[in-house]
């Protein structure tokens, strides 16, 4: 498995617009092959920040998602609303509450 966790800072005052783009794109997110979790959160200490946590079957599945036309369109639309992307971490998920249930669910 492969995981990513990162912080996206929206342009000042644009976080809600950026959140709407990510949250309203459920069809794309739900159809991503190999994506087990795509969690979008707000930062309590920064009114312009969004945290995104992703868990994928493999790094290759994540990389392939970046070539999906719908994902590319979302990135193009979101880019002007993004001030910067920081605090990016890659990790290897091992298990825990939530993940085990996701992995046990038949496709």
Protein backbone atom coordinates (compact mmCIF):
# COMPACT_ATOMS: atom_id res chain seq x y z
CA UNK A 1 0.00 0.00 0.00
CA UNK A 2 0.97 3.60 -0.51
CA UNK A 3 -0.13 6.72 1.34
CA UNK A 4 0.21 10.48 1.02
CA UNK A 5 -0.64 13.26 3.43
CA UNK A 6 -0.26 16.90 2.51
CA UNK A 7 -1.37 20.42 3.19
CA UNK A 8 -2.74 22.69 0.48
CA UNK A 9 -3.04 26.39 1.24
CA UNK A 10 -5.67 28.19 -0.79
CA UNK A 11 -5.24 31.74 -1.96
CA UNK A 12 -6.49 34.04 0.82
CA UNK A 13 -10.23 33.67 1.23
CA UNK A 14 -10.53 30.94 -1.45
CA UNK A 15 -10.54 27.82 0.74
CA UNK A 16 -14.30 27.25 0.44
CA UNK A 17 -14.15 27.40 -3.37
CA UNK A 18 -11.24 24.96 -3.36
CA UNK A 19 -13.05 22.65 -0.93
CA UNK A 20 -16.15 22.73 -3.13
CA UNK A 21 -14.09 21.57 -6.12
CA UNK A 22 -12.60 18.64 -4.20
CA UNK A 23 -15.79 17.66 -2.37
CA UNK A 24 -18.04 17.89 -5.44
CA UNK A 25 -15.81 15.58 -7.46
CA UNK A 26 -17.01 12.37 -5.78
CA UNK A 27 -17.66 10.58 -9.08
CA UNK A 28 -14.02 10.89 -10.07
CA UNK A 29 -12.79 9.93 -6.61
CA UNK A 30 -15.09 6.92 -6.35
CA UNK A 31 -14.02 5.60 -9.74
CA UNK A 32 -10.26 5.76 -9.12
CA UNK A 33 -8.85 2.25 -9.45
CA UNK A 34 -6.83 1.32 -6.39
CA UNK A 35 -7.88 4.30 -4.23
CA UNK A 36 -8.89 3.10 -0.77
CA UNK A 37 -9.16 6.47 0.98
CA UNK A 38 -9.22 10.11 -0.10
CA UNK A 39 -9.92 12.22 2.96
CA UNK A 40 -10.32 15.99 2.72
CA UNK A 41 -10.11 18.00 5.95
CA UNK A 42 -9.86 21.61 7.00
CA UNK A 43 -7.10 22.88 9.27
CA UNK A 44 -8.37 24.29 12.56
CA UNK A 45 -5.36 26.59 12.89
CA UNK A 46 -5.32 28.06 9.36
CA UNK A 47 -8.43 29.45 7.62
CA UNK A 48 -6.86 28.90 4.18
CA UNK A 49 -5.52 25.35 4.65
CA UNK A 50 -6.81 21.96 3.57
CA UNK A 51 -5.27 18.61 4.52
CA UNK A 52 -5.60 15.68 2.13
CA UNK A 53 -4.87 12.11 3.16
CA UNK A 54 -4.78 9.39 0.51
CA UNK A 55 -4.37 5.62 0.75
CA UNK A 56 -3.76 3.69 -2.46
CA UNK A 57 -3.25 0.04 -3.30
CA UNK A 58 0.12 1.05 -4.78
CA UNK A 59 2.20 4.06 -5.79
CA UNK A 60 1.57 3.04 -9.41
CA UNK A 61 -2.21 3.36 -8.88
CA UNK A 62 -1.71 6.85 -7.48
CA UNK A 63 0.52 7.80 -10.41
CA UNK A 64 -2.00 6.42 -12.90
CA UNK A 65 -4.75 8.55 -11.33
CA UNK A 66 -2.79 11.67 -12.28
CA UNK A 67 -3.20 10.72 -15.94
CA UNK A 68 -7.00 10.44 -15.66
CA UNK A 69 -8.66 13.19 -17.74
CA UNK A 70 -11.16 14.09 -14.99
CA UNK A 71 -8.37 14.39 -12.42
CA UNK A 72 -6.30 16.50 -14.79
CA UNK A 73 -9.29 18.79 -15.38
CA UNK A 74 -9.82 19.13 -11.61
CA UNK A 75 -6.16 20.03 -11.10
CA UNK A 76 -6.33 22.62 -13.89
CA UNK A 77 -9.44 24.21 -12.38
CA UNK A 78 -8.04 24.13 -8.82
CA UNK A 79 -4.54 25.42 -9.61
CA UNK A 80 -5.43 29.19 -9.63
CA UNK A 81 -7.04 28.79 -6.18
CA UNK A 82 -3.91 27.20 -4.64
CA UNK A 83 -1.27 29.39 -2.98
CA UNK A 84 1.09 26.53 -2.11
CA UNK A 85 1.38 22.87 -1.18
CA UNK A 86 3.44 22.02 1.89
CA UNK A 87 4.05 19.39 4.52
CA UNK A 88 3.80 16.51 2.03
CA UNK A 89 4.59 13.10 3.45
CA UNK A 90 4.58 9.66 1.87
CA UNK A 91 3.90 6.66 4.09
CA UNK A 92 3.13 2.94 4.05
CA UNK A 93 -0.27 2.20 5.62
CA UNK A 94 -0.22 -0.97 7.72
CA UNK A 95 -3.74 -1.15 9.14
CA UNK A 96 -5.92 0.27 11.87
CA UNK A 97 -9.52 1.25 12.41
CA UNK A 98 -11.19 2.11 9.14
CA UNK A 99 -8.53 0.75 6.83
CA UNK A 100 -9.17 -2.88 7.74
CA UNK A 101 -12.91 -2.41 7.04
CA UNK A 102 -12.15 -0.81 3.67
CA UNK A 103 -9.85 -3.62 2.64
CA UNK A 104 -12.30 -6.33 3.76
CA UNK A 105 -15.14 -4.85 1.68
CA UNK A 106 -15.67 -6.78 -1.58
CA UNK A 107 -15.48 -4.67 -4.75
